[in-house]
Protein backbone atom coordinates (compact mmCIF):
# COMPACT_ATOMS: atom_id res chain seq x y z
CA UNK A 1 79.12 104.23 74.49
CA UNK A 2 81.04 101.13 75.37
CA UNK A 3 84.44 102.82 75.61
CA UNK A 4 83.22 105.30 78.23
CA UNK A 5 81.81 102.40 80.20
CA UNK A 6 85.12 100.52 80.09
CA UNK A 7 87.05 103.62 81.14
CA UNK A 8 84.64 104.30 83.97
CA UNK A 9 84.78 100.73 85.25
CA UNK A 10 88.60 100.93 85.22
CA UNK A 11 88.61 104.22 87.09
CA UNK A 12 86.04 102.90 89.53
CA UNK A 13 88.09 99.79 90.28
CA UNK A 14 91.25 101.85 90.75
CA UNK A 15 89.74 104.63 92.86
CA UNK A 16 87.28 102.58 94.91
CA UNK A 17 89.30 99.44 95.36
CA UNK A 18 86.83 97.34 93.39
CA UNK A 19 85.25 94.88 95.77
CA UNK A 20 85.95 97.04 98.84
CA UNK A 21 82.52 98.58 98.32
CA UNK A 22 81.00 95.16 98.94
CA UNK A 23 83.23 94.62 101.97
CA UNK A 24 82.07 97.90 103.53
CA UNK A 25 78.46 96.75 103.68
CA UNK A 26 78.32 93.02 104.34
CA UNK A 27 74.64 93.14 105.36
CA UNK A 28 73.46 95.19 102.38
CA UNK A 29 71.23 93.55 99.82
CA UNK A 30 72.15 93.33 96.13
CA UNK A 31 70.00 96.32 95.11
CA UNK A 32 71.66 98.58 97.69
CA UNK A 33 75.15 97.50 96.63
CA UNK A 34 74.19 97.95 92.96
CA UNK A 35 72.94 101.47 93.69
CA UNK A 36 76.19 102.32 95.49
CA UNK A 37 78.29 100.95 92.64
CA UNK A 38 76.19 102.80 90.07
CA UNK A 39 76.56 106.08 91.96
CA UNK A 40 80.34 105.63 92.16
CA UNK A 41 80.46 104.65 88.49
CA UNK A 42 78.56 107.79 87.47
CA UNK A 43 80.83 109.92 89.66
CA UNK A 44 83.92 108.37 88.05
CA UNK A 45 82.41 108.86 84.59
CA UNK A 46 81.84 112.56 85.26
CA UNK A 47 85.42 112.94 86.52
CA UNK A 48 86.84 111.24 83.42
CA UNK A 49 84.69 113.46 81.18
CA UNK A 50 85.85 116.55 83.07
CA UNK A 51 89.52 115.60 82.71
CA UNK A 52 89.16 114.86 79.00
CA UNK A 53 87.31 118.12 78.35
CA UNK A 54 89.96 120.06 80.29
CA UNK A 55 92.69 118.44 78.17
CA UNK A 56 90.83 119.30 74.98
CA UNK A 57 90.41 122.91 76.09
CA UNK A 58 94.04 123.21 77.22
CA UNK A 59 95.40 121.93 73.89
CA UNK A 60 92.68 123.54 71.73
CA UNK A 61 91.56 120.16 70.35
CA UNK A 62 88.17 119.42 68.85
CA UNK A 63 86.97 115.90 69.73
CA UNK A 64 86.12 113.46 66.95
CA UNK A 65 82.52 112.61 66.24
CA UNK A 66 81.22 109.55 68.13
CA UNK A 67 81.52 106.25 66.24
CA UNK A 68 79.64 102.99 66.46
CA UNK A 69 80.75 100.04 68.56
CA UNK A 70 82.15 98.13 65.57
CA UNK A 71 84.41 101.00 64.49
CA UNK A 72 85.49 101.62 68.08
CA UNK A 73 86.38 97.96 68.64
CA UNK A 74 88.36 97.88 65.38
CA UNK A 75 90.33 100.94 66.49
CA UNK A 76 91.00 99.46 69.93
CA UNK A 77 92.08 96.17 68.37
CA UNK A 78 94.52 97.95 66.06
CA UNK A 79 95.87 99.99 68.99
CA UNK A 80 96.44 96.89 71.10
CA UNK A 81 97.61 94.38 68.49
CA UNK A 82 99.03 96.76 65.90
CA UNK A 83 98.47 96.82 62.17
CA UNK A 84 98.59 93.55 60.27
CA UNK A 85 101.41 93.78 57.77
CA UNK A 86 101.18 91.93 54.48
CA UNK A 87 104.05 90.84 52.27
């Protein structure tokens, strides 16, 4: 799901300082750095999932069914830009 990926990347950049991972290992090859970033991304993804599930449980909310990328992008667009009013 693309939205989970975007959320996880955002959390990863905030919590890990983004490029600081690369700065910590200047001699590491690309595969090693990619593996480190992937591990941190998966860890952040699990944490986001845990927080969302805890919020759902706390407020007794049932999550919506997953939607396709086109529907998700339309919803995000409308959230960011707002509805288009007609006269």
